[in-house]
């Protein structure tokens, strides 16, 4: 009781107290940029024992927080200023929302905006602007509200579908003295889980099916081995979404790969007499068509009730966290007799045909991706950008671990990879390899964050694929019979640019040189830009 009384008597400006509360809730890194409007938030960072990473742009700070969250599974936190700071981080907030990433953005805001115009950083409605791209956006006008909202955010990160959240605090409130935050005595609720009757129901469907298919998405939370056990127990075939890659061993005899975007996957699913989809939206960016292709019962398991009742019209819906559900189902199906309908030779032939299609669609990329894969450690985490190299590589690159390749799938923003990889590298440390893959145009969006990687001494290989154009857009225009225009921009000398930041930079002229450069980059004491062009294989 004495400790509690003493603690309660500690008063600081609220801006400082917020950092102390975040530290108490497990936050050890904050990404952001200080300004005159949010400087009170910086008063307590060092005292609380939190590391701050200074981004070069709020967009970079948001992507760093996203990359950190994806690498750790813990919330990524960013501090930004009023007005333009909030606007600049809205793109990362939208990306984190669409890709189910726990990111918390805390911003300052003006005290009053209705009766006074022309204030520094003034917006018409800052909170509602932020609300358009995140799970919720609220204003905390005093210490009690701030502490309540922070705990609400952290509770929901644990118990709901993880999505970006936003809290703004008026400048005067940040400056005002405030009591210490509540002690960490919160016992968070647990996510929804299926009951034994639902598990028995799903088991029954799987037992009666002759050609079942299991689809795993990014929501499987690293429990793919349980899903594989279920598949082996009942003889099911397996697909993963791009976000679910690594959940299933690539050499599993009935694994079709992360190939739902292949048009022919609809034909495969049409042969199924039961589809069980776990932890996936089956969104446009997962399947790239209007319908999955099945003509059989569809069982959906998801933590998000909105997903359960979407356009795919699941015949059976199970509101449950994927982890517990799949573990229970693996145990329940141990006594099942596996169906022999899915033949490994046919699965392998189908995958080989689809790989050949990727090679034909994007000439030269798969060969480079295969060689790059051979030079990258199995435990590397990869952050990719919206670039043709990544589009092809995601379909053919075998992953040995789940949640080790991160891509801006939903919102689909350019400029994601480099700052997100910085956040991931900060989280993983020097002992665990991290790599970025970016295209020449996307690099322009956030290239200034290379300075952060240099400043932090990160051993970060940055694969820059330069085809000299917006290649994907050019191809799309041609398919639409539009004369390609506005798809070519002047590029700098990327090698010299990286060197100007203080990074290493190389331009390999052969596959072997590229592989040696990548291996060296993982051991370097600063980031390395590895500049590649389609001429590499000519």
Protein backbone atom coordinates (compact mmCIF):
# COMPACT_ATOMS: atom_id res chain seq x y z
CA UNK A 1 0.00 0.00 0.00
CA UNK A 2 2.88 2.36 0.79
CA UNK A 3 4.38 1.80 -2.66
CA UNK A 4 1.01 2.50 -4.27
CA UNK A 5 0.57 5.70 -2.25
CA UNK A 6 4.07 6.92 -3.11
CA UNK A 7 3.53 6.09 -6.75
CA UNK A 8 0.22 7.91 -6.90
CA UNK A 9 1.90 11.03 -5.54
CA UNK A 10 4.31 11.20 -8.49
CA UNK A 11 3.04 13.92 -10.77
CA UNK A 12 4.48 14.85 -14.14
CA UNK A 13 3.14 16.55 -17.23
CA UNK A 14 0.71 14.17 -18.91
CA UNK A 15 2.94 13.94 -21.97
CA UNK A 16 5.66 12.41 -19.81
CA UNK A 17 3.23 10.18 -17.94
CA UNK A 18 2.05 8.64 -21.22
CA UNK A 19 5.56 7.38 -21.99
CA UNK A 20 5.83 5.90 -18.50
CA UNK A 21 2.51 4.13 -18.95
CA UNK A 22 3.55 2.72 -22.33
CA UNK A 23 6.75 1.39 -20.79
CA UNK A 24 4.71 -0.23 -18.04
CA UNK A 25 2.53 -1.86 -20.69
CA UNK A 26 5.53 -3.39 -22.43
CA UNK A 27 6.53 -0.77 -25.00
CA UNK A 28 10.30 -0.46 -25.39
CA UNK A 29 10.56 1.42 -28.70
CA UNK A 30 8.70 4.44 -30.05
CA UNK A 31 9.02 5.73 -33.61
CA UNK A 32 8.32 9.35 -34.38
CA UNK A 33 9.32 12.95 -34.96
CA UNK A 34 9.18 15.65 -32.28
CA UNK A 35 7.72 19.09 -32.91
CA UNK A 36 6.67 22.10 -30.87
CA UNK A 37 3.17 20.70 -30.48
CA UNK A 38 4.12 17.26 -29.20
CA UNK A 39 7.39 17.99 -27.40
CA UNK A 40 5.77 17.24 -24.03
CA UNK A 41 5.39 13.63 -25.19
CA UNK A 42 9.19 13.54 -25.44
CA UNK A 43 9.79 14.73 -21.89
CA UNK A 44 9.38 11.27 -20.39
CA UNK A 45 10.76 8.94 -23.07
CA UNK A 46 14.33 8.61 -21.78
CA UNK A 47 13.29 8.69 -18.13
CA UNK A 48 10.87 5.84 -18.81
CA UNK A 49 13.65 3.80 -20.42
CA UNK A 50 12.15 3.76 -23.91
CA UNK A 51 14.25 3.90 -27.08
CA UNK A 52 13.10 6.49 -29.60
CA UNK A 53 13.81 6.06 -33.31
CA UNK A 54 13.83 9.36 -35.18
CA UNK A 55 12.20 8.92 -38.58
CA UNK A 56 12.78 11.33 -41.44
CA UNK A 57 9.07 11.58 -42.27
CA UNK A 58 5.96 10.57 -40.34
CA UNK A 59 5.08 8.11 -43.07
CA UNK A 60 8.38 6.39 -42.34
CA UNK A 61 7.65 6.41 -38.61
CA UNK A 62 4.31 4.70 -39.21
CA UNK A 63 5.79 2.01 -41.44
CA UNK A 64 8.58 1.43 -38.90
CA UNK A 65 5.98 0.90 -36.18
CA UNK A 66 4.17 -1.50 -38.53
CA UNK A 67 7.36 -3.44 -39.28
CA UNK A 68 8.22 -3.61 -35.60
CA UNK A 69 4.76 -4.94 -34.77
CA UNK A 70 4.87 -7.59 -37.48
CA UNK A 71 8.28 -8.77 -36.29
CA UNK A 72 7.34 -8.99 -32.60
CA UNK A 73 3.58 -9.49 -32.48
CA UNK A 74 3.52 -6.60 -30.01
CA UNK A 75 2.05 -3.16 -30.71
CA UNK A 76 4.16 -0.71 -32.67
CA UNK A 77 3.87 2.83 -31.32
CA UNK A 78 4.41 6.16 -33.07
CA UNK A 79 4.39 9.75 -31.80
CA UNK A 80 3.44 12.52 -34.26
CA UNK A 81 2.54 16.18 -34.22
CA UNK A 82 -0.72 17.97 -34.89
CA UNK A 83 -1.98 18.49 -38.45
CA UNK A 84 0.60 17.53 -41.07
CA UNK A 85 2.15 14.90 -38.81
CA UNK A 86 -1.20 13.14 -38.58
CA UNK A 87 -1.81 13.49 -42.32
CA UNK A 88 1.61 12.05 -43.09
CA UNK A 89 1.07 8.95 -40.96
CA UNK A 90 -2.42 8.22 -42.25
CA UNK A 91 -1.10 6.00 -45.05
CA UNK A 92 0.73 3.67 -42.63
CA UNK A 93 -2.36 3.69 -40.40
CA UNK A 94 -4.44 2.56 -43.37
CA UNK A 95 -1.92 -0.14 -44.21
CA UNK A 96 -1.87 -1.46 -40.65
CA UNK A 97 -5.67 -1.45 -40.56
CA UNK A 98 -6.04 -3.48 -43.75
CA UNK A 99 -3.28 -5.96 -42.87
CA UNK A 100 -4.34 -6.52 -39.24
CA UNK A 101 -1.26 -5.00 -37.62
CA UNK A 102 -1.34 -3.62 -34.03
CA UNK A 103 -0.14 -0.02 -34.43
CA UNK A 104 -0.93 2.74 -31.94
CA UNK A 105 -0.48 6.34 -33.07
CA UNK A 106 -0.51 9.07 -30.40
CA UNK A 107 -0.68 12.67 -31.60
CA UNK A 108 -1.02 16.12 -30.17
CA UNK A 109 -3.96 18.28 -31.22
CA UNK A 110 -5.02 21.89 -30.88
CA UNK A 111 -7.08 22.83 -27.85
CA UNK A 112 -9.76 24.66 -29.81
CA UNK A 113 -10.46 24.81 -33.54
CA UNK A 114 -14.03 26.10 -33.91
CA UNK A 115 -13.68 29.72 -32.83
CA UNK A 116 -10.15 30.37 -34.00
CA UNK A 117 -8.61 29.95 -37.44
CA UNK A 118 -5.09 30.26 -38.73
CA UNK A 119 -3.36 28.35 -35.96
CA UNK A 120 -0.18 26.44 -36.64
CA UNK A 121 -0.94 22.94 -37.97
CA UNK A 122 -4.69 23.54 -37.85
CA UNK A 123 -7.08 21.10 -39.52
CA UNK A 124 -10.84 21.27 -39.86
CA UNK A 125 -11.27 17.92 -38.11
CA UNK A 126 -8.09 16.09 -37.24
CA UNK A 127 -9.73 13.25 -35.32
CA UNK A 128 -12.20 12.38 -38.04
CA UNK A 129 -9.47 12.52 -40.64
CA UNK A 130 -7.54 9.88 -38.69
CA UNK A 131 -10.71 7.87 -38.09
CA UNK A 132 -11.04 7.27 -41.83
CA UNK A 133 -8.02 4.95 -41.88
CA UNK A 134 -7.94 3.14 -38.54
CA UNK A 135 -10.04 1.02 -36.21
CA UNK A 136 -10.96 3.98 -34.02
CA UNK A 137 -9.75 7.49 -33.31
CA UNK A 138 -10.45 9.24 -30.02
CA UNK A 139 -9.46 12.43 -28.20
CA UNK A 140 -8.28 12.25 -24.61
CA UNK A 141 -8.91 15.61 -22.96
CA UNK A 142 -7.43 14.69 -19.60
CA UNK A 143 -5.17 12.13 -17.94
CA UNK A 144 -7.95 9.73 -17.01
CA UNK A 145 -9.20 9.58 -20.58
CA UNK A 146 -5.67 9.10 -21.94
CA UNK A 147 -4.92 6.22 -19.59
CA UNK A 148 -8.28 4.61 -20.29
CA UNK A 149 -7.85 4.81 -24.06
CA UNK A 150 -4.32 3.39 -23.96
CA UNK A 151 -5.48 0.41 -21.92
CA UNK A 152 -8.46 0.00 -24.24
CA UNK A 153 -6.13 -0.12 -27.24
CA UNK A 154 -3.83 -2.69 -25.65
CA UNK A 155 -6.75 -4.84 -24.52
CA UNK A 156 -8.24 -4.86 -28.02
CA UNK A 157 -4.89 -5.69 -29.60
CA UNK A 158 -4.96 -8.89 -27.55
CA UNK A 159 -8.60 -9.85 -27.87
CA UNK A 160 -9.82 -8.63 -31.27
CA UNK A 161 -8.53 -8.49 -34.79
CA UNK A 162 -5.43 -6.32 -34.47
CA UNK A 163 -5.80 -3.02 -36.32
CA UNK A 164 -4.36 0.48 -36.08
CA UNK A 165 -5.73 2.82 -33.42
CA UNK A 166 -5.31 6.55 -32.85
CA UNK A 167 -5.36 8.77 -29.76
CA UNK A 168 -4.94 12.53 -29.82
CA UNK A 169 -4.33 14.71 -26.78
CA UNK A 170 -4.75 18.51 -26.64
CA UNK A 171 -1.51 20.43 -26.17
CA UNK A 172 -2.67 22.00 -22.91
CA UNK A 173 -3.52 18.57 -21.52
CA UNK A 174 -0.08 17.24 -22.46
CA UNK A 175 1.50 20.16 -20.61
CA UNK A 176 -0.70 19.91 -17.50
CA UNK A 177 0.44 18.05 -14.39
CA UNK A 178 -1.11 14.61 -14.08
CA UNK A 179 -1.03 11.77 -11.56
CA UNK A 180 0.71 8.54 -12.43
CA UNK A 181 -1.08 6.05 -14.65
CA UNK A 182 -2.91 3.10 -13.08
CA UNK A 183 -0.68 0.23 -12.01
CA UNK A 184 -0.45 -2.69 -14.39
CA UNK A 185 -3.01 -4.86 -12.65
CA UNK A 186 -5.22 -5.37 -15.68
CA UNK A 187 -6.08 -8.96 -16.57
CA UNK A 188 -7.03 -8.80 -20.21
CA UNK A 189 -9.92 -10.82 -21.53
CA UNK A 190 -9.14 -13.76 -23.79
CA UNK A 191 -10.07 -13.88 -27.46
CA UNK A 192 -13.18 -15.86 -28.48
CA UNK A 193 -12.61 -19.60 -28.80
CA UNK A 194 -14.66 -22.42 -30.21
CA UNK A 195 -16.34 -24.88 -27.87
CA UNK A 196 -16.14 -28.66 -28.00
CA UNK A 197 -19.51 -28.93 -29.75
CA UNK A 198 -18.34 -26.73 -32.60
CA UNK A 199 -15.11 -28.70 -32.89
CA UNK A 200 -17.12 -31.92 -33.04
CA UNK A 201 -19.31 -30.41 -35.76
CA UNK A 202 -16.31 -29.46 -37.91
CA UNK A 203 -14.76 -32.88 -37.33
CA UNK A 204 -17.95 -34.45 -38.59
CA UNK A 205 -17.87 -32.44 -41.80
CA UNK A 206 -14.22 -33.36 -42.38
CA UNK A 207 -14.88 -37.06 -41.74
CA UNK A 208 -17.67 -37.15 -44.32
CA UNK A 209 -15.73 -35.21 -46.94
CA UNK A 210 -13.84 -37.08 -49.66
CA UNK A 211 -11.88 -34.13 -51.07
CA UNK A 212 -11.58 -31.48 -48.35
CA UNK A 213 -9.43 -28.36 -48.72
CA UNK A 214 -7.99 -26.26 -45.89
CA UNK A 215 -7.02 -22.63 -46.55
CA UNK A 216 -4.77 -20.87 -44.05
CA UNK A 217 -4.44 -17.09 -43.88
CA UNK A 218 -2.23 -14.72 -41.95
CA UNK A 219 -4.48 -15.05 -38.89
CA UNK A 220 -3.19 -18.54 -38.11
CA UNK A 221 -0.65 -16.98 -35.67
CA UNK A 222 2.10 -19.46 -36.32
CA UNK A 223 0.16 -22.63 -35.53
CA UNK A 224 0.35 -24.04 -39.04
CA UNK A 225 1.64 -27.35 -37.70
CA UNK A 226 -1.77 -27.95 -36.13
CA UNK A 227 -3.45 -27.26 -39.47
CA UNK A 228 -1.06 -29.67 -41.17
CA UNK A 229 -1.96 -32.29 -38.56
CA UNK A 230 -5.64 -31.78 -39.35
CA UNK A 231 -4.93 -32.06 -43.07
CA UNK A 232 -2.95 -35.27 -42.57
CA UNK A 233 -5.59 -36.72 -40.27
CA UNK A 234 -8.33 -36.30 -42.89
CA UNK A 235 -6.37 -36.26 -46.17
CA UNK A 236 -7.11 -32.61 -46.99
CA UNK A 237 -5.29 -30.51 -49.55
CA UNK A 238 -3.83 -27.20 -48.41
CA UNK A 239 -3.58 -23.66 -49.72
CA UNK A 240 -2.21 -20.60 -47.95
CA UNK A 241 -2.72 -16.96 -48.71
CA UNK A 242 0.35 -14.79 -49.24
CA UNK A 243 0.17 -13.76 -45.57
CA UNK A 244 -0.10 -17.41 -44.54
CA UNK A 245 3.08 -18.54 -46.28
CA UNK A 246 5.39 -20.62 -44.13
CA UNK A 247 2.54 -22.18 -42.19
CA UNK A 248 2.79 -25.32 -44.31
CA UNK A 249 6.09 -26.99 -45.30
CA UNK A 250 6.67 -26.24 -48.95
CA UNK A 251 7.31 -29.90 -49.73
CA UNK A 252 4.08 -31.15 -48.17
CA UNK A 253 2.63 -33.61 -50.70
CA UNK A 254 -0.84 -32.02 -50.76
CA UNK A 255 0.17 -28.37 -50.51
CA UNK A 256 -0.79 -26.27 -53.54
CA UNK A 257 1.22 -23.30 -52.25
CA UNK A 258 0.32 -19.63 -51.88
CA UNK A 259 -1.36 -19.80 -55.25
CA UNK A 260 -4.96 -18.76 -54.70
CA UNK A 261 -4.37 -15.89 -57.13
CA UNK A 262 -3.71 -18.36 -59.94
CA UNK A 263 -6.94 -18.51 -62.02
CA UNK A 264 -6.76 -22.31 -62.16
CA UNK A 265 -6.94 -22.54 -58.38
CA UNK A 266 -10.68 -21.97 -58.82
CA UNK A 267 -10.78 -25.22 -60.80
CA UNK A 268 -9.01 -27.06 -58.01
CA UNK A 269 -11.42 -25.68 -55.43
CA UNK A 270 -14.33 -26.69 -57.65
CA UNK A 271 -13.27 -30.31 -57.09
CA UNK A 272 -13.49 -29.94 -53.32
CA UNK A 273 -16.51 -31.22 -51.42
CA UNK A 274 -15.62 -29.15 -48.32
CA UNK A 275 -13.54 -26.00 -47.79
CA UNK A 276 -12.30 -24.98 -44.34
CA UNK A 277 -10.86 -21.45 -44.30
CA UNK A 278 -8.98 -20.45 -41.15
CA UNK A 279 -7.86 -16.91 -40.31
CA UNK A 280 -8.29 -15.39 -43.75
CA UNK A 281 -10.48 -12.72 -45.30
CA UNK A 282 -10.33 -14.40 -48.71
CA UNK A 283 -10.09 -10.80 -49.86
CA UNK A 284 -9.57 -9.51 -53.37
CA UNK A 285 -5.83 -9.31 -52.73
CA UNK A 286 -5.86 -12.98 -51.68
CA UNK A 287 -7.68 -14.51 -54.64
CA UNK A 288 -7.92 -11.74 -57.31
CA UNK A 289 -11.33 -12.85 -58.50
CA UNK A 290 -14.93 -12.41 -57.41
CA UNK A 291 -15.55 -15.96 -56.19
CA UNK A 292 -13.37 -18.57 -54.57
CA UNK A 293 -14.53 -21.22 -57.03
CA UNK A 294 -15.98 -23.83 -54.67
CA UNK A 295 -19.39 -25.49 -55.03
CA UNK A 296 -19.54 -27.12 -51.62
CA UNK A 297 -19.96 -26.18 -47.96
CA UNK A 298 -17.58 -23.43 -46.80
CA UNK A 299 -16.58 -23.37 -43.12
CA UNK A 300 -15.03 -20.11 -41.90
CA UNK A 301 -13.01 -19.67 -38.70
CA UNK A 302 -12.07 -16.11 -37.81
CA UNK A 303 -11.65 -13.72 -34.89
CA UNK A 304 -13.47 -11.02 -36.88
CA UNK A 305 -17.26 -11.53 -37.12
CA UNK A 306 -17.41 -9.25 -40.17
CA UNK A 307 -15.28 -11.72 -42.11
CA UNK A 308 -17.61 -14.59 -41.20
CA UNK A 309 -20.56 -12.97 -42.92
CA UNK A 310 -18.86 -11.60 -46.03
CA UNK A 311 -19.60 -12.08 -49.73
CA UNK A 312 -18.34 -15.68 -49.73
CA UNK A 313 -21.46 -16.70 -47.75
CA UNK A 314 -19.95 -19.31 -45.46
CA UNK A 315 -22.37 -22.10 -44.69
CA UNK A 316 -20.93 -22.45 -41.19
CA UNK A 317 -19.30 -19.68 -39.18
CA UNK A 318 -17.06 -20.10 -36.14
CA UNK A 319 -16.13 -16.95 -34.24
CA UNK A 320 -12.83 -18.06 -32.76
CA UNK A 321 -9.15 -17.30 -32.57
CA UNK A 322 -7.43 -19.55 -35.07
CA UNK A 323 -4.78 -20.89 -32.68
CA UNK A 324 -7.00 -22.58 -30.10
CA UNK A 325 -9.51 -23.71 -32.71
CA UNK A 326 -6.91 -25.45 -34.88
CA UNK A 327 -5.15 -27.07 -31.94
CA UNK A 328 -8.44 -28.48 -30.67
CA UNK A 329 -9.37 -29.71 -34.13
CA UNK A 330 -5.99 -31.41 -34.59
CA UNK A 331 -6.54 -33.36 -31.39
CA UNK A 332 -10.15 -34.21 -32.25
CA UNK A 333 -9.33 -35.60 -35.71
CA UNK A 334 -6.55 -37.96 -34.64
CA UNK A 335 -8.82 -40.97 -35.04
CA UNK A 336 -10.05 -40.03 -38.52
CA UNK A 337 -9.27 -42.08 -41.62
CA UNK A 338 -7.59 -39.88 -44.23
CA UNK A 339 -9.20 -39.63 -47.65
CA UNK A 340 -6.92 -40.69 -50.56
CA UNK A 341 -8.58 -38.46 -53.17
CA UNK A 342 -5.90 -35.76 -53.44
CA UNK A 343 -2.95 -37.32 -55.27
CA UNK A 344 0.51 -35.85 -54.53
CA UNK A 345 1.70 -36.33 -58.14
CA UNK A 346 -1.22 -34.29 -59.43
CA UNK A 347 -0.62 -31.58 -56.82
CA UNK A 348 3.07 -31.41 -57.75
CA UNK A 349 2.25 -31.23 -61.47
CA UNK A 350 -0.23 -28.44 -60.86
CA UNK A 351 2.27 -26.43 -58.83
CA UNK A 352 4.93 -26.90 -61.52
CA UNK A 353 2.53 -25.64 -64.18
CA UNK A 354 1.65 -22.58 -62.10
CA UNK A 355 5.32 -21.83 -61.49
CA UNK A 356 5.90 -21.96 -65.24
CA UNK A 357 3.07 -19.46 -65.67
CA UNK A 358 4.76 -17.02 -63.28
CA UNK A 359 8.03 -17.38 -65.19
CA UNK A 360 6.24 -16.66 -68.47
CA UNK A 361 4.32 -13.69 -67.07
CA UNK A 362 7.36 -12.00 -65.53
CA UNK A 363 10.40 -13.00 -67.58
CA UNK A 364 13.69 -13.05 -65.73
CA UNK A 365 12.38 -12.34 -62.25
CA UNK A 366 11.91 -15.90 -61.01
CA UNK A 367 15.47 -16.84 -61.96
CA UNK A 368 16.84 -13.92 -59.94
CA UNK A 369 14.46 -14.65 -57.05
CA UNK A 370 15.60 -18.28 -56.92
CA UNK A 371 19.23 -17.20 -56.76
CA UNK A 372 18.46 -14.60 -54.12
CA UNK A 373 16.61 -17.19 -52.07
CA UNK A 374 19.69 -19.41 -52.06
CA UNK A 375 21.73 -16.60 -50.50
CA UNK A 376 19.24 -15.63 -47.80
CA UNK A 377 19.16 -17.45 -44.42
CA UNK A 378 16.03 -19.45 -43.70
CA UNK A 379 15.35 -17.39 -40.58
CA UNK A 380 15.45 -14.05 -42.40
CA UNK A 381 12.43 -11.78 -42.23
CA UNK A 382 11.64 -10.05 -45.51
CA UNK A 383 9.72 -6.82 -46.07
CA UNK A 384 8.67 -6.23 -49.65
CA UNK A 385 7.21 -3.27 -51.51
CA UNK A 386 4.70 -2.97 -54.33
CA UNK A 387 7.06 -4.11 -57.06
CA UNK A 388 6.95 -6.74 -59.81
CA UNK A 389 9.90 -8.54 -58.26
CA UNK A 390 7.93 -9.11 -55.06
CA UNK A 391 4.74 -10.05 -56.91
CA UNK A 392 6.55 -12.90 -58.65
CA UNK A 393 8.74 -13.93 -55.73
CA UNK A 394 5.79 -14.27 -53.35
CA UNK A 395 4.34 -17.01 -55.53
CA UNK A 396 7.47 -19.13 -55.89
CA UNK A 397 9.70 -18.38 -52.86
CA UNK A 398 9.46 -21.30 -50.38
CA UNK A 399 9.11 -20.10 -46.80
CA UNK A 400 10.27 -22.29 -43.92
CA UNK A 401 8.77 -20.13 -41.15
CA UNK A 402 5.44 -18.36 -40.85
CA UNK A 403 5.15 -14.58 -40.64
CA UNK A 404 8.63 -14.03 -42.06
CA UNK A 405 7.58 -12.26 -45.26
CA UNK A 406 5.62 -9.03 -44.88
CA UNK A 407 3.98 -7.21 -47.77
CA UNK A 408 1.60 -4.21 -47.90
CA UNK A 409 -1.20 -6.34 -49.28
CA UNK A 410 -4.45 -4.60 -48.44
CA UNK A 411 -3.92 -0.86 -48.70
CA UNK A 412 -1.15 -1.55 -51.19
CA UNK A 413 1.06 1.46 -50.65
CA UNK A 414 4.36 2.21 -52.29
CA UNK A 415 7.31 3.01 -50.04
CA UNK A 416 6.51 0.42 -47.37
CA UNK A 417 9.48 -1.92 -47.50
CA UNK A 418 12.49 0.12 -46.39
CA UNK A 419 11.04 1.80 -43.28
CA UNK A 420 9.09 -1.33 -42.32
CA UNK A 421 12.30 -3.36 -42.59
CA UNK A 422 14.02 -0.79 -40.37
CA UNK A 423 11.31 -1.31 -37.74
CA UNK A 424 11.69 -5.07 -38.12
CA UNK A 425 15.46 -4.91 -37.82
CA UNK A 426 15.18 -2.77 -34.67
CA UNK A 427 12.87 -5.40 -33.20
CA UNK A 428 14.89 -8.45 -34.23
CA UNK A 429 18.35 -7.13 -33.43
CA UNK A 430 21.63 -7.90 -35.15
CA UNK A 431 21.49 -11.63 -34.46
CA UNK A 432 18.39 -12.19 -36.62
CA UNK A 433 18.61 -11.27 -40.33
CA UNK A 434 16.18 -8.82 -41.93
CA UNK A 435 15.96 -7.79 -45.59
CA UNK A 436 13.99 -5.33 -47.74
CA UNK A 437 12.88 -5.73 -51.35
CA UNK A 438 11.83 -2.55 -53.13
CA UNK A 439 11.30 -1.31 -56.66
CA UNK A 440 12.94 1.77 -58.14
CA UNK A 441 9.76 3.85 -58.06
CA UNK A 442 8.67 2.79 -54.58
CA UNK A 443 12.11 3.61 -53.22
CA UNK A 444 11.50 7.26 -54.10
CA UNK A 445 8.63 7.40 -51.59
CA UNK A 446 10.69 6.72 -48.47
CA UNK A 447 14.33 6.67 -49.56
CA UNK A 448 15.14 9.29 -46.90
CA UNK A 449 14.66 6.64 -44.21
CA UNK A 450 17.91 5.08 -45.38
CA UNK A 451 19.49 7.70 -43.14
CA UNK A 452 17.79 6.07 -40.14
CA UNK A 453 19.21 2.66 -41.01
CA UNK A 454 22.69 4.21 -41.28
CA UNK A 455 22.24 6.09 -38.02
CA UNK A 456 21.27 2.88 -36.23
CA UNK A 457 24.01 0.78 -37.84
CA UNK A 458 21.56 -1.83 -39.10
CA UNK A 459 22.86 -4.85 -41.02
CA UNK A 460 20.08 -4.50 -43.56
CA UNK A 461 20.33 -5.66 -47.18
CA UNK A 462 18.03 -3.57 -49.39
CA UNK A 463 17.34 -5.27 -52.71
CA UNK A 464 16.44 -2.54 -55.20
CA UNK A 465 14.92 -3.87 -58.43
CA UNK A 466 15.20 -1.21 -61.12
CA UNK A 467 13.32 -1.91 -64.34
CA UNK A 468 13.36 1.81 -65.15
CA UNK A 469 9.60 2.23 -65.08
CA UNK A 470 6.31 1.54 -63.35
CA UNK A 471 6.35 -1.86 -64.98
CA UNK A 472 3.15 -3.23 -63.48
CA UNK A 473 1.18 -0.15 -64.52
CA UNK A 474 2.64 -0.24 -68.02
CA UNK A 475 1.61 -3.88 -68.39
CA UNK A 476 -1.88 -3.08 -67.10
CA UNK A 477 -2.26 -0.22 -69.57
CA UNK A 478 -1.23 -2.45 -72.44
CA UNK A 479 -3.74 -5.12 -71.42
CA UNK A 480 -6.42 -2.42 -71.31
CA UNK A 481 -5.33 -1.18 -74.76
CA UNK A 482 -4.18 2.16 -73.34
CA UNK A 483 -1.03 3.63 -74.83
CA UNK A 484 1.41 3.58 -71.88
CA UNK A 485 2.11 7.03 -70.56
CA UNK A 486 3.38 8.55 -67.30
CA UNK A 487 5.10 5.29 -66.39
CA UNK A 488 8.74 6.37 -66.75
CA UNK A 489 10.48 8.72 -64.32
CA UNK A 490 14.06 9.92 -64.12
CA UNK A 491 15.97 7.89 -61.57
CA UNK A 492 19.06 9.03 -59.71
CA UNK A 493 22.24 7.01 -59.50
CA UNK A 494 20.95 4.84 -56.67
CA UNK A 495 24.39 3.52 -55.76
CA UNK A 496 25.80 7.02 -55.33
CA UNK A 497 22.66 8.09 -53.49
CA UNK A 498 23.02 5.29 -50.95
CA UNK A 499 26.70 6.07 -50.50
CA UNK A 500 25.80 9.72 -49.88
CA UNK A 501 23.67 8.56 -46.95
CA UNK A 502 26.65 6.62 -45.61
CA UNK A 503 25.34 3.19 -46.61
CA UNK A 504 27.19 0.49 -48.50
CA UNK A 505 26.07 0.08 -52.09
CA UNK A 506 26.86 -2.44 -54.82
CA UNK A 507 25.63 -3.11 -58.34
CA UNK A 508 26.29 -6.80 -59.08
CA UNK A 509 26.79 -7.76 -62.72
CA UNK A 510 26.20 -11.48 -62.27
CA UNK A 511 24.07 -13.84 -60.22
CA UNK A 512 27.14 -15.05 -58.32
CA UNK A 513 28.15 -11.47 -57.50
CA UNK A 514 24.65 -10.76 -56.25
CA UNK A 515 24.69 -13.76 -53.94
CA UNK A 516 28.04 -12.77 -52.47
CA UNK A 517 26.83 -9.19 -51.98
CA UNK A 518 23.72 -10.36 -50.13
CA UNK A 519 25.70 -12.64 -47.81
CA UNK A 520 28.14 -9.83 -47.04
CA UNK A 521 25.28 -7.39 -46.41
CA UNK A 522 23.88 -9.51 -43.59
CA UNK A 523 27.25 -9.22 -41.82
CA UNK A 524 27.89 -5.53 -42.56
CA UNK A 525 27.76 -2.90 -39.83
CA UNK A 526 25.50 -0.61 -41.85
CA UNK A 527 22.78 -1.08 -44.46
CA UNK A 528 23.70 -2.19 -47.98
CA UNK A 529 21.79 -1.21 -51.08
CA UNK A 530 22.07 -3.99 -53.67
CA UNK A 531 21.12 -2.54 -57.03
CA UNK A 532 19.68 -5.04 -59.53
CA UNK A 533 18.32 -4.63 -63.03
CA UNK A 534 16.81 -7.09 -65.53
CA UNK A 535 20.21 -7.07 -67.29
CA UNK A 536 21.51 -9.27 -64.48
CA UNK A 537 20.46 -12.42 -66.33
CA UNK A 538 21.26 -11.35 -69.87
